[in-house]
N, C-alpha and C. Protein backbone atom coordinates (compact mmCIF):
# COMPACT_ATOMS: atom_id res chain seq x y z
N MET A 1 -3.95 132.52 -6.86
CA MET A 1 -3.62 132.94 -8.35
C MET A 1 -2.35 132.20 -8.19
N LYS A 2 -1.89 131.34 -9.26
CA LYS A 2 -0.77 131.25 -9.83
C LYS A 2 -0.10 131.62 -10.74
N GLN A 3 0.88 132.38 -10.27
CA GLN A 3 1.55 133.51 -11.69
C GLN A 3 2.54 132.43 -12.60
N THR A 4 2.07 132.87 -13.21
CA THR A 4 3.10 132.86 -14.36
C THR A 4 4.27 133.42 -14.69
N ALA A 5 5.59 132.52 -15.11
CA ALA A 5 7.08 133.90 -14.95
C ALA A 5 6.89 134.40 -16.33
N ILE A 6 7.56 135.01 -16.18
CA ILE A 6 8.12 135.67 -17.63
C ILE A 6 8.86 135.64 -18.29
N GLY A 7 8.13 135.25 -19.37
CA GLY A 7 9.08 134.22 -20.94
C GLY A 7 7.99 133.15 -21.07
N THR A 8 6.94 132.98 -20.28
CA THR A 8 6.33 131.82 -20.52
C THR A 8 4.96 132.08 -20.98
N ARG A 9 4.28 131.55 -21.99
CA ARG A 9 3.36 132.12 -22.81
C ARG A 9 2.19 130.44 -22.60
N GLU A 10 1.25 130.91 -22.58
CA GLU A 10 0.18 130.33 -22.60
C GLU A 10 -0.76 130.33 -23.67
N GLY A 11 -0.99 129.59 -24.35
CA GLY A 11 -1.32 129.78 -26.10
C GLY A 11 -2.87 129.26 -25.62
N PRO A 12 -3.54 129.96 -26.83
CA PRO A 12 -5.27 130.05 -26.72
C PRO A 12 -5.48 129.05 -26.23
N HIS A 13 -7.47 128.79 -25.60
CA HIS A 13 -7.53 127.65 -25.19
C HIS A 13 -9.09 127.38 -26.00
N LEU A 14 -8.65 126.96 -27.57
CA LEU A 14 -9.78 127.11 -28.37
C LEU A 14 -10.38 125.34 -28.25
N PRO A 15 -11.52 125.18 -28.61
CA PRO A 15 -12.46 123.40 -29.08
C PRO A 15 -11.81 123.37 -30.10
N ARG A 16 -11.84 121.74 -30.37
CA ARG A 16 -11.22 121.16 -31.32
C ARG A 16 -11.83 120.82 -32.54
N HIS A 17 -13.02 121.55 -32.15
CA HIS A 17 -14.16 121.58 -33.56
C HIS A 17 -14.65 123.23 -33.54
N LEU A 18 -14.81 124.02 -34.08
CA LEU A 18 -15.78 124.85 -34.43
C LEU A 18 -16.66 125.01 -35.14
N PRO A 19 -17.55 125.27 -35.53
CA PRO A 19 -18.83 125.41 -36.03
C PRO A 19 -18.22 127.08 -37.10
N GLN A 20 -18.48 126.68 -38.57
CA GLN A 20 -18.51 127.70 -39.33
C GLN A 20 -19.47 128.52 -39.08
N GLY A 21 -18.93 129.82 -38.89
CA GLY A 21 -20.07 131.03 -39.07
C GLY A 21 -20.36 131.69 -40.29
N GLY A 22 -21.30 132.26 -40.60
CA GLY A 22 -21.69 132.69 -41.69
C GLY A 22 -20.77 134.45 -42.22
N PRO A 23 -21.30 135.16 -42.44
CA PRO A 23 -21.08 136.62 -42.94
C PRO A 23 -21.54 137.05 -41.86
N LEU A 24 -20.38 138.08 -41.48
CA LEU A 24 -20.61 138.87 -40.23
C LEU A 24 -20.69 140.73 -40.27
N ARG A 25 -21.74 140.90 -39.59
CA ARG A 25 -21.43 142.53 -39.35
C ARG A 25 -21.28 143.30 -38.46
N LEU A 26 -20.33 143.71 -37.87
CA LEU A 26 -20.13 143.77 -36.90
C LEU A 26 -21.09 145.08 -36.54
N ALA A 27 -21.38 145.05 -35.00
CA ALA A 27 -22.17 146.44 -34.96
C ALA A 27 -21.65 146.16 -33.05
N ASP A 28 -21.83 147.26 -32.20
CA ASP A 28 -21.26 147.69 -31.34
C ASP A 28 -21.51 146.66 -30.37
N HIS A 29 -20.92 146.22 -29.20
CA HIS A 29 -21.33 145.13 -28.50
C HIS A 29 -21.58 143.78 -29.47
N ALA A 30 -21.39 143.74 -30.40
CA ALA A 30 -21.39 142.11 -30.81
C ALA A 30 -20.65 141.54 -30.31
N GLU A 31 -20.82 140.31 -30.09
CA GLU A 31 -20.26 139.50 -29.38
C GLU A 31 -19.75 138.03 -30.76
N ILE A 32 -18.55 137.56 -30.85
CA ILE A 32 -17.96 136.49 -31.62
C ILE A 32 -17.79 135.32 -30.61
N HIS A 33 -18.66 134.03 -30.59
CA HIS A 33 -18.04 133.17 -29.48
C HIS A 33 -18.15 131.88 -29.89
N SER A 34 -17.13 130.52 -29.74
CA SER A 34 -16.84 129.83 -30.42
C SER A 34 -17.03 129.26 -32.03
N VAL A 35 -16.97 130.39 -32.72
CA VAL A 35 -16.96 129.96 -33.92
C VAL A 35 -15.81 130.39 -34.75
N GLU A 36 -15.93 129.65 -36.26
CA GLU A 36 -14.86 129.83 -37.27
C GLU A 36 -15.87 131.04 -38.01
N VAL A 37 -14.84 132.09 -38.41
CA VAL A 37 -15.42 133.06 -38.99
C VAL A 37 -14.10 133.65 -40.37
N ALA A 38 -14.69 134.18 -41.72
CA ALA A 38 -13.83 134.98 -42.68
C ALA A 38 -14.18 135.63 -43.31
N ASP A 39 -15.76 135.93 -43.45
CA ASP A 39 -16.44 136.92 -43.45
C ASP A 39 -16.88 138.27 -42.84
N ILE A 40 -15.87 139.28 -42.57
CA ILE A 40 -16.57 140.48 -40.91
C ILE A 40 -16.53 141.97 -42.63
N THR A 41 -17.30 142.67 -42.20
CA THR A 41 -17.76 143.79 -42.45
C THR A 41 -17.79 145.11 -41.23
N LEU A 42 -17.13 145.75 -41.07
CA LEU A 42 -17.32 147.02 -40.15
C LEU A 42 -17.85 148.02 -40.34
N PRO A 43 -18.70 148.68 -40.13
CA PRO A 43 -19.78 150.37 -40.73
C PRO A 43 -18.29 151.00 -40.82
N ALA A 44 -18.48 151.62 -41.30
CA ALA A 44 -17.43 153.09 -41.55
C ALA A 44 -17.01 153.34 -40.46
N GLU A 45 -18.09 154.25 -39.45
CA GLU A 45 -17.92 154.90 -38.09
C GLU A 45 -16.89 154.20 -37.06
N GLY A 46 -17.16 152.79 -37.49
CA GLY A 46 -16.16 152.07 -36.47
C GLY A 46 -17.14 151.73 -35.21
N VAL A 47 -16.91 150.42 -34.44
CA VAL A 47 -17.81 150.06 -33.15
C VAL A 47 -17.20 150.18 -32.00
N GLN A 48 -17.53 149.59 -31.06
CA GLN A 48 -17.28 149.52 -29.74
C GLN A 48 -18.14 148.47 -28.94
N GLY A 49 -16.97 148.51 -28.13
CA GLY A 49 -17.00 147.22 -26.88
C GLY A 49 -17.61 145.82 -27.92
N VAL A 50 -16.95 145.22 -28.85
CA VAL A 50 -17.27 143.71 -29.08
C VAL A 50 -15.90 142.83 -28.47
N ILE A 51 -16.41 141.82 -28.23
CA ILE A 51 -15.87 140.46 -28.08
C ILE A 51 -16.29 139.69 -28.79
N ILE A 52 -14.79 138.57 -28.76
CA ILE A 52 -14.26 137.75 -29.47
C ILE A 52 -13.43 136.66 -28.53
N GLU A 53 -14.15 135.57 -28.44
CA GLU A 53 -13.61 134.59 -27.46
C GLU A 53 -14.35 133.16 -28.01
N GLN A 54 -12.98 132.20 -27.61
CA GLN A 54 -12.62 131.03 -28.19
C GLN A 54 -13.32 131.24 -30.19
N ALA A 55 -12.61 131.84 -30.89
CA ALA A 55 -13.07 131.77 -32.16
C ALA A 55 -11.89 131.87 -32.94
N ARG A 56 -11.67 131.55 -34.64
CA ARG A 56 -10.80 131.40 -35.17
C ARG A 56 -11.17 132.25 -36.25
N LEU A 57 -10.79 133.37 -36.70
CA LEU A 57 -10.80 134.12 -37.87
C LEU A 57 -9.62 134.05 -38.79
N HIS A 58 -10.08 134.03 -39.94
CA HIS A 58 -8.81 133.75 -40.73
C HIS A 58 -9.60 134.11 -42.20
N HIS A 59 -8.82 134.89 -43.30
CA HIS A 59 -9.27 135.73 -43.98
C HIS A 59 -10.18 137.25 -43.87
N ALA A 60 -9.84 137.68 -42.70
CA ALA A 60 -11.10 138.51 -42.04
C ALA A 60 -10.32 140.10 -42.59
N SER A 61 -10.83 140.65 -43.12
CA SER A 61 -9.99 142.15 -43.32
C SER A 61 -10.81 142.81 -41.82
N PHE A 62 -10.22 143.68 -41.38
CA PHE A 62 -10.31 145.08 -40.22
C PHE A 62 -9.95 146.00 -41.19
N ALA A 63 -9.29 145.99 -41.97
CA ALA A 63 -8.36 146.96 -42.74
C ALA A 63 -9.02 148.48 -42.61
N SER A 64 -8.45 149.42 -41.80
CA SER A 64 -9.07 150.30 -42.15
C SER A 64 -10.56 151.03 -41.26
N GLY A 65 -10.08 149.80 -40.19
CA GLY A 65 -11.93 149.31 -39.43
C GLY A 65 -11.31 150.40 -37.42
N ARG A 66 -12.16 151.15 -37.12
CA ARG A 66 -11.87 151.56 -35.86
C ARG A 66 -13.23 150.89 -34.66
N LEU A 67 -12.02 150.42 -34.54
CA LEU A 67 -12.94 149.30 -33.11
C LEU A 67 -12.35 149.87 -31.35
N THR A 68 -12.97 150.42 -30.52
CA THR A 68 -13.05 150.74 -29.69
C THR A 68 -13.52 150.31 -28.00
N LYS A 69 -12.54 149.98 -27.79
CA LYS A 69 -12.72 148.79 -26.10
C LYS A 69 -12.88 147.27 -26.89
N PRO A 70 -12.46 146.95 -27.25
CA PRO A 70 -12.50 145.50 -28.08
C PRO A 70 -11.51 144.71 -26.77
N ARG A 71 -12.08 143.37 -27.28
CA ARG A 71 -11.88 142.02 -26.12
C ARG A 71 -11.91 141.06 -26.74
N SER A 72 -10.57 140.77 -26.68
CA SER A 72 -10.47 139.00 -27.07
C SER A 72 -9.72 137.60 -26.55
N SER A 73 -9.95 136.70 -26.22
CA SER A 73 -9.38 136.00 -25.54
C SER A 73 -9.27 134.27 -25.98
N ASP A 74 -8.73 133.65 -26.03
CA ASP A 74 -8.68 132.51 -26.60
C ASP A 74 -9.06 132.38 -27.49
N SER A 75 -8.74 133.33 -28.20
CA SER A 75 -8.96 133.40 -30.38
C SER A 75 -7.94 133.17 -30.95
N ARG A 76 -7.60 132.75 -32.15
CA ARG A 76 -6.50 133.23 -32.99
C ARG A 76 -7.21 133.80 -34.51
N PHE A 77 -6.01 134.84 -35.35
CA PHE A 77 -6.70 135.51 -36.33
C PHE A 77 -5.63 135.27 -37.51
N GLU A 78 -5.47 134.46 -38.19
CA GLU A 78 -5.04 134.10 -39.46
C GLU A 78 -5.47 134.27 -40.96
N LYS A 79 -3.59 134.90 -41.39
CA LYS A 79 -4.19 135.49 -42.56
C LYS A 79 -5.05 136.74 -43.05
N CYS A 80 -5.31 137.38 -41.89
CA CYS A 80 -6.24 138.37 -41.56
C CYS A 80 -5.79 140.10 -42.00
N ASP A 81 -6.27 140.81 -42.36
CA ASP A 81 -5.46 141.82 -42.55
C ASP A 81 -6.65 142.93 -41.90
N PHE A 82 -5.27 143.84 -41.04
CA PHE A 82 -5.33 145.08 -40.12
C PHE A 82 -4.91 145.97 -40.40
N THR A 83 -4.13 146.64 -42.06
CA THR A 83 -3.97 147.75 -42.43
C THR A 83 -5.10 148.87 -42.61
N ALA A 84 -3.77 149.58 -41.23
CA ALA A 84 -4.07 151.30 -41.13
C ALA A 84 -5.50 150.92 -40.07
N ALA A 85 -5.89 149.76 -39.13
CA ALA A 85 -6.53 149.78 -38.52
C ALA A 85 -6.58 150.24 -37.26
N GLU A 86 -7.25 150.86 -36.88
CA GLU A 86 -7.84 151.49 -35.24
C GLU A 86 -8.20 150.92 -34.50
N TRP A 87 -7.22 149.47 -33.25
CA TRP A 87 -8.12 149.33 -31.57
C TRP A 87 -7.37 150.20 -30.54
N THR A 88 -8.54 150.28 -30.21
CA THR A 88 -8.51 151.55 -28.79
C THR A 88 -8.59 150.92 -27.77
N GLU A 89 -7.92 150.87 -26.71
CA GLU A 89 -7.94 150.44 -25.83
C GLU A 89 -8.58 148.53 -25.06
N ALA A 90 -7.49 148.24 -26.58
CA ALA A 90 -8.19 146.52 -27.02
C ALA A 90 -6.99 145.71 -25.46
N HIS A 91 -8.18 144.62 -25.05
CA HIS A 91 -7.62 144.05 -24.15
C HIS A 91 -7.68 142.21 -24.60
N LEU A 92 -6.05 141.99 -24.64
CA LEU A 92 -6.08 140.65 -25.83
C LEU A 92 -5.64 138.91 -24.52
N LEU A 93 -6.18 138.43 -24.33
CA LEU A 93 -5.32 137.79 -23.77
C LEU A 93 -5.38 136.41 -24.38
N ARG A 94 -4.21 135.34 -24.23
CA ARG A 94 -4.55 134.49 -25.16
C ARG A 94 -4.86 134.63 -26.66
N VAL A 95 -4.34 135.19 -27.52
CA VAL A 95 -4.74 135.60 -28.62
C VAL A 95 -3.34 135.53 -29.24
N ASP A 96 -3.23 134.74 -30.85
CA ASP A 96 -2.48 134.55 -31.58
C ASP A 96 -2.95 135.11 -32.67
N PHE A 97 -1.89 136.04 -33.25
CA PHE A 97 -2.22 136.89 -34.76
C PHE A 97 -0.90 135.73 -35.84
N ALA A 98 -1.42 135.12 -36.73
CA ALA A 98 0.09 134.35 -37.67
C ALA A 98 -0.47 134.89 -38.75
N ASP A 99 0.11 135.17 -39.58
CA ASP A 99 0.73 136.10 -41.16
C ASP A 99 -0.43 136.66 -41.32
N CYS A 100 -0.26 137.68 -40.76
CA CYS A 100 -1.83 138.89 -40.50
C CYS A 100 -0.98 140.29 -41.19
N ARG A 101 -1.66 141.14 -41.84
CA ARG A 101 -0.69 142.30 -42.35
C ARG A 101 -1.20 143.14 -41.42
N MET A 102 -0.72 143.74 -40.77
CA MET A 102 -0.82 144.93 -40.10
C MET A 102 -0.04 146.59 -40.19
N LEU A 103 -0.14 147.07 -41.81
CA LEU A 103 0.55 147.72 -42.21
C LEU A 103 0.13 148.99 -41.40
N GLY A 104 0.64 149.77 -41.08
CA GLY A 104 0.74 151.08 -39.84
C GLY A 104 -0.83 150.57 -38.92
N THR A 105 -1.12 149.65 -38.32
CA THR A 105 -2.41 148.98 -37.36
C THR A 105 -1.58 150.17 -36.09
N GLN A 106 -2.35 150.71 -35.63
CA GLN A 106 -3.10 151.39 -34.31
C GLN A 106 -2.97 150.74 -33.32
N TRP A 107 -2.57 150.38 -32.29
CA TRP A 107 -3.08 149.62 -31.13
C TRP A 107 -2.69 150.49 -29.76
N VAL A 108 -3.74 151.32 -30.11
CA VAL A 108 -3.91 152.69 -28.89
C VAL A 108 -4.34 152.44 -27.37
N THR A 109 -3.09 152.50 -26.47
CA THR A 109 -3.72 151.91 -25.26
C THR A 109 -3.87 150.11 -25.07
N LEU A 110 -2.93 149.36 -25.49
CA LEU A 110 -2.81 148.09 -26.22
C LEU A 110 -2.66 146.83 -24.19
N GLU A 111 -3.53 146.14 -24.07
CA GLU A 111 -3.41 145.85 -22.56
C GLU A 111 -3.24 144.04 -23.12
N ALA A 112 -2.24 143.21 -23.03
CA ALA A 112 -2.19 142.00 -24.18
C ALA A 112 -1.45 141.11 -22.87
N ARG A 113 -1.60 140.37 -22.38
CA ARG A 113 -1.32 138.98 -21.99
C ARG A 113 -0.65 137.45 -23.07
N HIS A 114 -0.03 136.76 -23.05
CA HIS A 114 0.07 135.59 -23.73
C HIS A 114 -0.13 135.84 -24.85
N VAL A 115 -0.09 137.18 -26.15
CA VAL A 115 -0.47 137.43 -27.39
C VAL A 115 0.92 136.57 -27.89
N LEU A 116 0.30 136.61 -29.46
CA LEU A 116 1.28 135.48 -30.45
C LEU A 116 1.15 136.54 -31.51
N PHE A 117 2.19 137.33 -32.07
CA PHE A 117 2.66 137.92 -33.20
C PHE A 117 3.23 136.68 -34.20
N LEU A 118 2.97 135.95 -34.65
CA LEU A 118 3.65 135.26 -35.92
C LEU A 118 3.96 135.58 -37.38
N ASP A 119 5.12 135.81 -37.90
CA ASP A 119 5.02 135.88 -39.32
C ASP A 119 4.04 137.17 -39.38
N CYS A 120 3.85 137.81 -39.49
CA CYS A 120 3.22 139.12 -39.75
C CYS A 120 3.97 140.36 -40.12
N LEU A 121 3.13 140.61 -41.10
CA LEU A 121 3.66 142.04 -41.77
C LEU A 121 3.30 143.01 -41.10
N CYS A 122 4.14 144.41 -40.06
CA CYS A 122 4.00 145.01 -39.39
C CYS A 122 4.39 146.32 -39.29
N GLU A 123 5.41 146.25 -40.66
CA GLU A 123 5.79 147.64 -40.88
C GLU A 123 4.53 149.10 -40.50
N GLY A 124 5.29 149.70 -39.62
CA GLY A 124 4.77 151.09 -39.35
C GLY A 124 3.92 151.04 -37.93
N ALA A 125 4.27 149.76 -37.70
CA ALA A 125 2.52 149.47 -36.74
C ALA A 125 2.72 150.59 -35.59
N PHE A 126 1.84 151.23 -35.13
CA PHE A 126 2.26 151.41 -33.44
C PHE A 126 1.51 151.27 -32.05
N PHE A 127 2.22 150.69 -31.80
CA PHE A 127 2.11 150.02 -30.52
C PHE A 127 3.19 151.12 -29.25
N VAL A 128 2.58 152.29 -28.90
CA VAL A 128 3.39 153.40 -28.11
C VAL A 128 2.27 152.80 -26.76
N SER A 129 2.98 152.91 -25.65
CA SER A 129 2.54 152.51 -24.15
C SER A 129 1.85 151.80 -24.05
N ALA A 130 1.72 150.45 -24.86
CA ALA A 130 1.78 149.17 -25.31
C ALA A 130 1.90 148.03 -23.99
N ARG A 131 1.12 147.41 -23.07
CA ARG A 131 1.44 146.83 -22.15
C ARG A 131 1.93 145.04 -22.62
N LEU A 132 3.09 145.00 -23.09
CA LEU A 132 2.83 143.45 -24.41
C LEU A 132 4.12 142.50 -23.40
N GLN A 133 3.89 142.38 -21.69
CA GLN A 133 4.82 141.59 -21.19
C GLN A 133 4.77 140.20 -21.57
N GLY A 134 5.61 139.61 -22.04
CA GLY A 134 6.26 138.01 -22.37
C GLY A 134 5.83 137.90 -23.67
N ALA A 135 5.56 139.04 -24.72
CA ALA A 135 4.63 138.64 -25.78
C ALA A 135 5.78 138.29 -26.79
N ARG A 136 5.21 137.37 -28.16
CA ARG A 136 6.61 136.85 -28.71
C ARG A 136 6.00 136.89 -30.19
N PHE A 137 7.34 137.62 -30.85
CA PHE A 137 7.14 138.33 -32.42
C PHE A 137 7.82 137.71 -33.09
N PRO A 138 7.54 136.27 -33.20
CA PRO A 138 8.72 135.81 -34.36
C PRO A 138 8.41 135.71 -35.37
N ARG A 139 9.59 136.35 -36.37
CA ARG A 139 9.77 136.42 -37.53
C ARG A 139 8.65 136.96 -38.17
N CYS A 140 8.41 138.63 -37.55
CA CYS A 140 8.00 139.93 -37.61
C CYS A 140 8.64 140.76 -38.66
N ASP A 141 7.70 141.47 -39.42
CA ASP A 141 8.36 143.06 -40.33
C ASP A 141 8.29 143.99 -39.47
N LEU A 142 9.02 144.63 -38.27
CA LEU A 142 8.99 144.89 -37.54
C LEU A 142 9.09 146.93 -37.81
N ARG A 143 10.05 147.23 -39.56
CA ARG A 143 10.04 147.83 -39.60
C ARG A 143 10.13 149.16 -39.53
N ARG A 144 9.94 149.95 -38.59
CA ARG A 144 9.57 151.62 -38.30
C ARG A 144 8.18 151.36 -37.56
N ALA A 145 8.94 150.20 -36.70
CA ALA A 145 7.10 150.63 -35.84
C ALA A 145 7.81 151.01 -34.59
N SER A 146 6.38 151.44 -33.94
CA SER A 146 6.97 152.24 -33.09
C SER A 146 6.43 151.33 -31.46
N PHE A 147 7.27 151.15 -30.43
CA PHE A 147 7.37 150.56 -28.99
C PHE A 147 7.57 151.49 -28.02
N GLU A 148 7.93 153.10 -28.79
CA GLU A 148 7.92 154.02 -27.58
C GLU A 148 7.22 154.06 -26.63
N GLY A 149 7.84 153.81 -24.98
CA GLY A 149 7.04 153.49 -23.64
C GLY A 149 6.08 152.31 -23.46
N ALA A 150 6.28 151.47 -24.48
CA ALA A 150 5.65 149.98 -24.69
C ALA A 150 6.41 149.39 -23.31
N ASP A 151 5.50 148.47 -22.72
CA ASP A 151 6.24 147.24 -21.70
C ASP A 151 6.53 146.09 -22.48
N LEU A 152 7.78 145.61 -23.03
CA LEU A 152 8.56 144.13 -23.30
C LEU A 152 9.02 143.41 -22.69
N THR A 153 8.52 143.65 -21.41
CA THR A 153 9.92 143.16 -20.24
C THR A 153 9.36 141.23 -20.83
N GLY A 154 10.21 140.52 -20.97
CA GLY A 154 10.04 139.59 -21.69
C GLY A 154 9.68 139.03 -22.48
N ALA A 155 9.23 140.56 -23.35
CA ALA A 155 9.10 139.36 -24.99
C ALA A 155 9.86 139.02 -25.63
N GLN A 156 9.91 137.77 -26.61
CA GLN A 156 10.66 137.35 -27.45
C GLN A 156 10.48 138.21 -29.26
N LEU A 157 11.36 138.51 -29.59
CA LEU A 157 11.27 139.58 -30.85
C LEU A 157 12.18 138.30 -31.76
N CYS A 158 12.69 137.23 -31.21
CA CYS A 158 13.94 136.15 -32.39
C CYS A 158 13.51 136.48 -34.11
N GLU A 159 14.21 136.91 -34.44
CA GLU A 159 14.93 136.88 -35.78
C GLU A 159 13.47 137.90 -36.63
N CYS A 160 13.09 139.14 -36.02
CA CYS A 160 12.46 140.04 -36.49
C CYS A 160 13.37 141.16 -36.83
N ASP A 161 12.89 142.60 -38.01
CA ASP A 161 13.41 143.41 -38.67
C ASP A 161 12.75 144.63 -38.24
N LEU A 162 13.71 145.01 -36.79
CA LEU A 162 13.41 146.16 -36.20
C LEU A 162 14.10 147.30 -37.19
N THR A 163 14.35 147.32 -38.15
CA THR A 163 14.91 148.92 -39.17
C THR A 163 14.10 149.95 -39.10
N GLU A 164 15.33 150.79 -38.00
CA GLU A 164 13.92 152.28 -37.69
C GLU A 164 13.21 152.04 -36.68
N ALA A 165 13.27 150.98 -36.47
CA ALA A 165 12.48 150.98 -35.49
C ALA A 165 12.23 152.03 -33.81
N ASP A 166 11.34 152.53 -33.26
CA ASP A 166 11.73 153.24 -31.39
C ASP A 166 11.09 152.56 -30.91
N VAL A 167 12.15 152.32 -29.76
CA VAL A 167 11.61 151.27 -28.71
C VAL A 167 11.98 151.96 -27.09
N GLN A 168 12.79 153.97 -27.90
CA GLN A 168 12.91 154.72 -27.13
C GLN A 168 11.66 154.61 -25.78
N GLY A 169 12.64 154.54 -24.30
CA GLY A 169 11.67 154.63 -23.39
C GLY A 169 11.41 153.46 -23.12
N ALA A 170 10.80 152.38 -23.71
CA ALA A 170 10.50 151.07 -23.63
C ALA A 170 10.87 150.55 -22.51
N ALA A 171 10.20 149.27 -22.04
CA ALA A 171 10.87 148.15 -21.05
C ALA A 171 11.31 146.84 -21.32
N LEU A 172 12.14 146.88 -21.57
CA LEU A 172 13.24 146.07 -22.38
C LEU A 172 14.09 144.58 -21.38
N ALA A 173 13.64 143.98 -20.32
CA ALA A 173 14.31 143.82 -19.24
C ALA A 173 14.15 142.25 -19.13
N GLN A 174 14.47 141.48 -20.52
CA GLN A 174 14.56 140.23 -20.21
C GLN A 174 14.15 139.71 -21.87
N ALA A 175 13.77 140.99 -22.18
CA ALA A 175 13.72 140.68 -24.20
C ALA A 175 14.41 140.37 -24.67
N ASP A 176 14.22 139.52 -25.58
CA ASP A 176 15.25 138.39 -26.56
C ASP A 176 15.25 139.25 -27.79
N LEU A 177 15.76 139.49 -28.28
CA LEU A 177 16.41 140.83 -29.88
C LEU A 177 16.85 139.68 -30.39
N ARG A 178 17.73 138.54 -30.28
CA ARG A 178 18.95 137.87 -30.91
C ARG A 178 18.19 137.16 -31.95
N GLY A 179 19.06 137.70 -33.26
CA GLY A 179 19.01 137.64 -34.75
C GLY A 179 17.80 138.22 -35.80
N CYS A 180 17.91 139.82 -34.58
CA CYS A 180 17.24 140.84 -35.27
C CYS A 180 18.08 141.49 -36.12
N ASN A 181 17.39 142.06 -36.95
CA ASN A 181 17.96 143.70 -37.87
C ASN A 181 17.44 144.75 -37.51
N ILE A 182 18.67 145.28 -36.54
CA ILE A 182 18.22 146.71 -35.56
C ILE A 182 19.32 147.66 -36.03
N ASN A 183 19.08 147.79 -37.56
CA ASN A 183 19.69 148.91 -38.52
C ASN A 183 19.19 150.23 -37.67
N GLY A 184 19.35 151.17 -37.36
CA GLY A 184 19.01 152.22 -37.52
C GLY A 184 18.05 152.04 -36.79
N MET A 185 17.91 151.28 -35.26
CA MET A 185 16.72 151.60 -34.62
C MET A 185 17.04 152.73 -33.46
N LYS A 186 15.79 153.38 -33.18
CA LYS A 186 15.93 154.32 -32.25
C LYS A 186 16.36 154.05 -30.94
N ILE A 187 16.98 154.25 -29.91
CA ILE A 187 16.74 153.93 -28.59
C ILE A 187 17.74 155.10 -28.09
N GLY A 188 17.70 154.94 -26.42
CA GLY A 188 18.58 155.51 -25.50
C GLY A 188 19.24 154.82 -25.16
N ALA A 189 20.44 155.67 -24.56
CA ALA A 189 21.41 155.27 -23.38
C ALA A 189 21.07 153.55 -22.82
N ARG A 190 19.39 154.27 -21.97
CA ARG A 190 19.42 152.49 -21.09
C ARG A 190 17.50 151.92 -21.17
N ASP A 191 17.66 152.20 -22.89
CA ASP A 191 16.72 151.45 -23.09
C ASP A 191 16.91 149.96 -23.38
N LEU A 192 18.05 149.63 -23.28
CA LEU A 192 18.24 147.97 -23.38
C LEU A 192 18.87 147.69 -22.52
N MET A 193 18.84 148.19 -21.16
CA MET A 193 19.15 147.54 -20.41
C MET A 193 18.44 146.20 -19.88
N GLY A 194 19.26 145.28 -19.78
CA GLY A 194 18.44 144.36 -19.17
C GLY A 194 18.28 143.08 -21.09
N SER A 195 18.04 143.59 -21.61
CA SER A 195 17.71 142.81 -22.63
C SER A 195 18.86 142.11 -23.08
N ILE A 196 18.16 140.89 -24.10
CA ILE A 196 19.21 139.97 -25.03
C ILE A 196 19.38 139.86 -26.18
N LEU A 197 20.73 140.09 -26.26
CA LEU A 197 21.10 140.28 -27.67
C LEU A 197 22.37 139.36 -27.78
N ASP A 198 22.96 139.16 -29.14
CA ASP A 198 23.84 138.10 -29.62
C ASP A 198 25.20 139.44 -30.32
N PRO A 199 26.42 138.91 -29.74
CA PRO A 199 27.63 139.57 -29.90
C PRO A 199 27.78 140.78 -30.97
N THR A 200 26.92 140.36 -32.47
CA THR A 200 26.55 141.77 -33.12
C THR A 200 26.19 142.41 -33.00
N GLN A 201 24.67 142.19 -32.48
CA GLN A 201 23.71 143.25 -32.03
C GLN A 201 24.51 144.27 -30.84
N ALA A 202 25.32 143.89 -30.20
CA ALA A 202 25.93 144.70 -29.15
C ALA A 202 26.89 145.66 -29.99
N MET A 203 27.71 145.14 -30.59
CA MET A 203 28.19 145.73 -31.37
C MET A 203 27.43 147.04 -31.87
N GLN A 204 26.25 146.43 -32.88
CA GLN A 204 25.60 147.50 -33.46
C GLN A 204 25.67 148.71 -32.65
N VAL A 205 24.76 147.72 -31.53
CA VAL A 205 24.11 149.05 -30.44
C VAL A 205 24.73 149.90 -30.00
N ALA A 206 26.28 149.99 -29.68
CA ALA A 206 27.47 150.74 -29.76
C ALA A 206 27.25 152.17 -30.48
N GLY A 207 27.37 151.47 -31.27
CA GLY A 207 27.27 152.24 -32.85
C GLY A 207 25.88 153.15 -32.92
N LEU A 208 24.78 152.97 -32.73
CA LEU A 208 23.27 153.30 -32.44
C LEU A 208 23.75 154.27 -31.36
N LEU A 209 24.51 153.91 -30.30
CA LEU A 209 24.68 154.83 -29.52
C LEU A 209 25.46 156.18 -29.35
N GLY A 210 26.13 155.99 -30.62
CA GLY A 210 27.39 156.84 -30.89
C GLY A 210 28.40 156.51 -30.04
N ILE A 211 28.69 155.53 -29.87
CA ILE A 211 30.32 154.76 -28.64
C ILE A 211 31.10 153.89 -29.70
N VAL A 212 32.06 154.46 -30.00
CA VAL A 212 33.35 154.32 -30.99
C VAL A 212 34.00 153.36 -30.51
N VAL A 213 33.84 151.87 -30.69
CA VAL A 213 35.10 150.44 -29.82
C VAL A 213 36.36 150.27 -31.04
N LYS A 214 37.43 150.70 -29.86
CA LYS A 214 38.74 150.92 -30.84
C LYS A 214 39.36 149.60 -30.15
N ASP A 215 40.81 148.70 -30.29
CA ASP A 215 41.67 148.22 -29.50
C ASP A 215 42.30 148.93 -28.67
N LEU A 216 43.10 148.27 -28.50
CA LEU A 216 44.59 149.09 -27.38
C LEU A 216 45.18 149.96 -28.70
N SER A 217 45.60 149.25 -29.64
CA SER A 217 46.69 149.06 -30.31
C SER A 217 46.41 150.33 -30.96
N GLU A 218 44.96 150.52 -31.56
CA GLU A 218 44.41 151.52 -32.31
C GLU A 218 44.72 153.04 -31.69
N SER A 219 44.95 154.01 -32.41
CA SER A 219 45.18 155.27 -32.39
C SER A 219 43.78 156.02 -32.05
């Protein structure tokens, strides 16, 4: 099988035209396939084994919902609400999230390939130990988000707000953080090894690590 280079992303394989689906109430092992959906209801006790393939979901609410072992491929979520949602052991392949609300969303043991989070509000989101190699997060609000122990190899987080985000123990080799606000970001001495920073950020990182930078002429 052909290997994709780190940092190269393959977008969703979506049909050009999708039929409109009616209101859906999710149940265990429900399947959403080759359809466009806006109205989704989740039971209070949560669901497991949901499959979403080649689907476009827009303005749908997953807020406070609990999904266990959901799978999604070749799909796009637009302007959806994931506030305080909990997705456990999710597997995502070629999935886009555009302009979604993910305040405090918990991605527990997330496995994701070729995913895009575009202009998403992810303040306080939980990506601990997630596998997000090559993921893209253009212009996302990631304030106080936690990526502790996550694999972000080759990820692109350009122009994100990472204020007070926790990336301790994360793998950031070839991860591009240029243009991000990294004020108060929580890092260890080795966490940013191999990552891509702009000159201003390099100085900020020194400060975050408690390093004092002085010119030779300074006392």
